[in-house]
PDB file of N, CA and C in Angstrom:
ATOM      1  N   MET A   1     -75.149-109.293 -20.878  1.00  0.00           N
ATOM      2  CA  MET A   1     -74.934-110.608 -20.281  1.00  0.00           C
ATOM      3  C   MET A   1     -75.617-110.663 -18.917  1.00  0.00           C
ATOM      4  N   LEU A   2     -76.236-111.787 -18.620  1.00  0.00           N
ATOM      5  CA  LEU A   2     -76.916-111.961 -17.338  1.00  0.00           C
ATOM      6  C   LEU A   2     -76.039-112.754 -16.373  1.00  0.00           C
ATOM      7  N   TYR A   3     -76.151-112.381 -15.115  1.00  0.00           N
ATOM      8  CA  TYR A   3     -75.442-113.078 -14.040  1.00  0.00           C
ATOM      9  C   TYR A   3     -76.477-113.558 -13.041  1.00  0.00           C
ATOM     10  N   SER A   4     -76.175-114.638 -12.341  1.00  0.00           N
ATOM     11  CA  SER A   4     -77.126-115.218 -11.394  1.00  0.00           C
ATOM     12  C   SER A   4     -76.544-115.280  -9.993  1.00  0.00           C
ATOM     13  N   THR A   5     -77.451-115.340  -9.017  1.00  0.00           N
ATOM     14  CA  THR A   5     -77.065-115.519  -7.626  1.00  0.00           C
ATOM     15  C   THR A   5     -76.122-116.719  -7.514  1.00  0.00           C
ATOM     16  N   GLY A   6     -75.056-116.539  -6.732  1.00  0.00           N
ATOM     17  CA  GLY A   6     -74.085-117.609  -6.534  1.00  0.00           C
ATOM     18  C   GLY A   6     -72.864-117.485  -7.422  1.00  0.00           C
ATOM     19  N   GLU A   7     -72.959-116.710  -8.489  1.00  0.00           N
ATOM     20  CA  GLU A   7     -71.809-116.509  -9.376  1.00  0.00           C
ATOM     21  C   GLU A   7     -70.851-115.488  -8.783  1.00  0.00           C
ATOM     22  N   LYS A   8     -69.598-115.535  -9.238  1.00  0.00           N
ATOM     23  CA  LYS A   8     -68.571-114.566  -8.833  1.00  0.00           C
ATOM     24  C   LYS A   8     -68.116-113.829 -10.083  1.00  0.00           C
ATOM     25  N   PRO A   9     -68.924-112.855 -10.533  1.00  0.00           N
ATOM     26  CA  PRO A   9     -68.647-112.185 -11.804  1.00  0.00           C
ATOM     27  C   PRO A   9     -67.584-111.092 -11.743  1.00  0.00           C
ATOM     28  N   GLY A  10     -67.037-110.826 -10.562  1.00  0.00           N
ATOM     29  CA  GLY A  10     -66.026-109.772 -10.427  1.00  0.00           C
ATOM     30  C   GLY A  10     -66.610-108.520  -9.801  1.00  0.00           C
ATOM     31  N   ASN A  11     -65.705-107.616  -9.403  1.00  0.00           N
ATOM     32  CA  ASN A  11     -66.186-106.415  -8.729  1.00  0.00           C
ATOM     33  C   ASN A  11     -66.896-105.487  -9.714  1.00  0.00           C
ATOM     34  N   GLY A  12     -67.807-104.695  -9.164  1.00  0.00           N
ATOM     35  CA  GLY A  12     -68.576-103.768  -9.987  1.00  0.00           C
ATOM     36  C   GLY A  12     -70.002-103.625  -9.488  1.00  0.00           C
ATOM     37  N   LYS A  13     -70.792-102.892 -10.247  1.00  0.00           N
ATOM     38  CA  LYS A  13     -72.200-102.663  -9.898  1.00  0.00           C
ATOM     39  C   LYS A  13     -73.075-103.563 -10.757  1.00  0.00           C
ATOM     40  N   TYR A  14     -74.038-104.192 -10.103  1.00  0.00           N
ATOM     41  CA  TYR A  14     -74.983-105.082 -10.780  1.00  0.00           C
ATOM     42  C   TYR A  14     -76.383-104.625 -10.428  1.00  0.00           C
ATOM     43  N   VAL A  15     -77.308-104.804 -11.361  1.00  0.00           N
ATOM     44  CA  VAL A  15     -78.686-104.364 -11.136  1.00  0.00           C
ATOM     45  C   VAL A  15     -79.624-105.550 -11.376  1.00  0.00           C
ATOM     46  N   CYS A  16     -80.581-105.711 -10.472  1.00  0.00           N
ATOM     47  CA  CYS A  16     -81.566-106.788 -10.577  1.00  0.00           C
ATOM     48  C   CYS A  16     -82.389-106.596 -11.848  1.00  0.00           C
ATOM     49  N   LYS A  17     -82.524-107.646 -12.612  1.00  0.00           N
ATOM     50  CA  LYS A  17     -83.268-107.579 -13.874  1.00  0.00           C
ATOM     51  C   LYS A  17     -84.760-107.341 -13.638  1.00  0.00           C
ATOM     52  N   ILE A  18     -85.280-107.751 -12.486  1.00  0.00           N
ATOM     53  CA  ILE A  18     -86.710-107.623 -12.205  1.00  0.00           C
ATOM     54  C   ILE A  18     -87.077-106.257 -11.613  1.00  0.00           C
ATOM     55  N   CYS A  19     -86.417-105.855 -10.522  1.00  0.00           N
ATOM     56  CA  CYS A  19     -86.857-104.638  -9.815  1.00  0.00           C
ATOM     57  C   CYS A  19     -85.888-103.460  -9.931  1.00  0.00           C
ATOM     58  N   GLY A  20     -84.678-103.691 -10.448  1.00  0.00           N
ATOM     59  CA  GLY A  20     -83.730-102.586 -10.616  1.00  0.00           C
ATOM     60  C   GLY A  20     -82.870-102.284  -9.410  1.00  0.00           C
ATOM     61  N   GLN A  21     -82.979-103.079  -8.356  1.00  0.00           N
ATOM     62  CA  GLN A  21     -82.163-102.870  -7.157  1.00  0.00           C
ATOM     63  C   GLN A  21     -80.682-103.050  -7.511  1.00  0.00           C
ATOM     64  N   LYS A  22     -79.834-102.134  -7.040  1.00  0.00           N
ATOM     65  CA  LYS A  22     -78.401-102.220  -7.316  1.00  0.00           C
ATOM     66  C   LYS A  22     -77.677-102.972  -6.209  1.00  0.00           C
ATOM     67  N   VAL A  23     -76.706-103.771  -6.618  1.00  0.00           N
ATOM     68  CA  VAL A  23     -75.843-104.500  -5.686  1.00  0.00           C
ATOM     69  C   VAL A  23     -74.413-104.205  -6.115  1.00  0.00           C
ATOM     70  N   ILE A  24     -73.547-103.869  -5.156  1.00  0.00           N
ATOM     71  CA  ILE A  24     -72.147-103.578  -5.463  1.00  0.00           C
ATOM     72  C   ILE A  24     -71.274-104.696  -4.899  1.00  0.00           C
ATOM     73  N   LEU A  25     -70.441-105.260  -5.757  1.00  0.00           N
ATOM     74  CA  LEU A  25     -69.450-106.250  -5.318  1.00  0.00           C
ATOM     75  C   LEU A  25     -68.104-105.546  -5.281  1.00  0.00           C
ATOM     76  N   ASP A  26     -67.443-105.603  -4.119  1.00  0.00           N
ATOM     77  CA  ASP A  26     -66.187-104.885  -3.925  1.00  0.00           C
ATOM     78  C   ASP A  26     -64.955-105.711  -4.256  1.00  0.00           C
ATOM     79  N   ASP A  27     -65.106-107.008  -4.374  1.00  0.00           N
ATOM     80  CA  ASP A  27     -63.950-107.878  -4.543  1.00  0.00           C
ATOM     81  C   ASP A  27     -64.239-108.930  -5.603  1.00  0.00           C
ATOM     82  N   THR A  28     -63.220-109.432  -6.254  1.00  0.00           N
ATOM     83  CA  THR A  28     -63.405-110.441  -7.293  1.00  0.00           C
ATOM     84  C   THR A  28     -63.880-111.771  -6.728  1.00  0.00           C
ATOM     85  N   THR A  29     -63.769-111.968  -5.408  1.00  0.00           N
ATOM     86  CA  THR A  29     -64.216-113.223  -4.794  1.00  0.00           C
ATOM     87  C   THR A  29     -65.619-113.122  -4.208  1.00  0.00           C
ATOM     88  N   ASP A  30     -66.241-111.928  -4.268  1.00  0.00           N
ATOM     89  CA  ASP A  30     -67.613-111.762  -3.762  1.00  0.00           C
ATOM     90  C   ASP A  30     -68.606-112.515  -4.643  1.00  0.00           C
ATOM     91  N   THR A  31     -69.641-113.064  -4.002  1.00  0.00           N
ATOM     92  CA  THR A  31     -70.680-113.808  -4.711  1.00  0.00           C
ATOM     93  C   THR A  31     -71.953-112.969  -4.786  1.00  0.00           C
ATOM     94  N   LEU A  32     -72.638-113.038  -5.912  1.00  0.00           N
ATOM     95  CA  LEU A  32     -73.908-112.311  -6.041  1.00  0.00           C
ATOM     96  C   LEU A  32     -74.943-112.931  -5.111  1.00  0.00           C
ATOM     97  N   PRO A  33     -75.589-112.106  -4.278  1.00  0.00           N
ATOM     98  CA  PRO A  33     -76.634-112.609  -3.390  1.00  0.00           C
ATOM     99  C   PRO A  33     -77.983-112.583  -4.102  1.00  0.00           C
ATOM    100  N   PRO A  34     -79.003-113.198  -3.509  1.00  0.00           N
ATOM    101  CA  PRO A  34     -80.359-112.953  -4.038  1.00  0.00           C
ATOM    102  C   PRO A  34     -80.642-111.456  -3.883  1.00  0.00           C
ATOM    103  N   CYS A  35     -81.457-110.906  -4.725  1.00  0.00           N
ATOM    104  CA  CYS A  35     -81.764-109.479  -4.661  1.00  0.00           C
ATOM    105  C   CYS A  35     -82.286-109.131  -3.261  1.00  0.00           C
ATOM    106  N   PRO A  36     -81.694-108.111  -2.614  1.00  0.00           N
ATOM    107  CA  PRO A  36     -82.145-107.738  -1.269  1.00  0.00           C
ATOM    108  C   PRO A  36     -83.564-107.174  -1.241  1.00  0.00           C
ATOM    109  N   LYS A  37     -84.077-106.730  -2.383  1.00  0.00           N
ATOM    110  CA  LYS A  37     -85.412-106.129  -2.422  1.00  0.00           C
ATOM    111  C   LYS A  37     -86.496-107.144  -2.810  1.00  0.00           C
ATOM    112  N   CYS A  38     -86.297-107.879  -3.914  1.00  0.00           N
ATOM    113  CA  CYS A  38     -87.362-108.765  -4.403  1.00  0.00           C
ATOM    114  C   CYS A  38     -86.999-110.252  -4.336  1.00  0.00           C
ATOM    115  N   LYS A  39     -85.760-110.563  -3.923  1.00  0.00           N
ATOM    116  CA  LYS A  39     -85.285-111.947  -3.751  1.00  0.00           C
ATOM    117  C   LYS A  39     -85.103-112.723  -5.056  1.00  0.00           C
ATOM    118  N   LYS A  40     -85.188-112.051  -6.211  1.00  0.00           N
ATOM    119  CA  LYS A  40     -84.942-112.718  -7.485  1.00  0.00           C
ATOM    120  C   LYS A  40     -83.436-112.949  -7.659  1.00  0.00           C
ATOM    121  N   THR A  41     -83.043-113.621  -8.723  1.00  0.00           N
ATOM    122  CA  THR A  41     -81.655-114.085  -8.810  1.00  0.00           C
ATOM    123  C   THR A  41     -80.913-113.702 -10.092  1.00  0.00           C
ATOM    124  N   ASN A  42     -81.489-112.854 -10.942  1.00  0.00           N
ATOM    125  CA  ASN A  42     -80.815-112.483 -12.191  1.00  0.00           C
ATOM    126  C   ASN A  42     -80.411-111.012 -12.201  1.00  0.00           C
ATOM    127  N   TYR A  43     -79.175-110.768 -12.610  1.00  0.00           N
ATOM    128  CA  TYR A  43     -78.609-109.418 -12.642  1.00  0.00           C
ATOM    129  C   TYR A  43     -77.970-109.139 -13.987  1.00  0.00           C
ATOM    130  N   ARG A  44     -77.826-107.853 -14.268  1.00  0.00           N
ATOM    131  CA  ARG A  44     -76.981-107.435 -15.372  1.00  0.00           C
ATOM    132  C   ARG A  44     -75.982-106.439 -14.816  1.00  0.00           C
ATOM    133  N   LYS A  45     -74.810-106.348 -15.456  1.00  0.00           N
ATOM    134  CA  LYS A  45     -73.764-105.450 -14.962  1.00  0.00           C
ATOM    135  C   LYS A  45     -73.994-104.051 -15.512  1.00  0.00           C
ATOM    136  N   LEU A  46     -73.776-103.060 -14.645  1.00  0.00           N
ATOM    137  CA  LEU A  46     -73.904-101.653 -15.083  1.00  0.00           C
ATOM    138  C   LEU A  46     -72.603-101.179 -15.664  1.00  0.00           C
TER     139      LEU A  46
END
């Protein structure tokens, strides 16, 4: 399943679909940011 910037998919590790950069959300209210490395907006959960 893909997640996009601005969504609140829950805590866990997410990886950018384009460059593989990992983003960790610590709380269920955290929002996915644009990728800090390539600025793209699609993630998948690890």
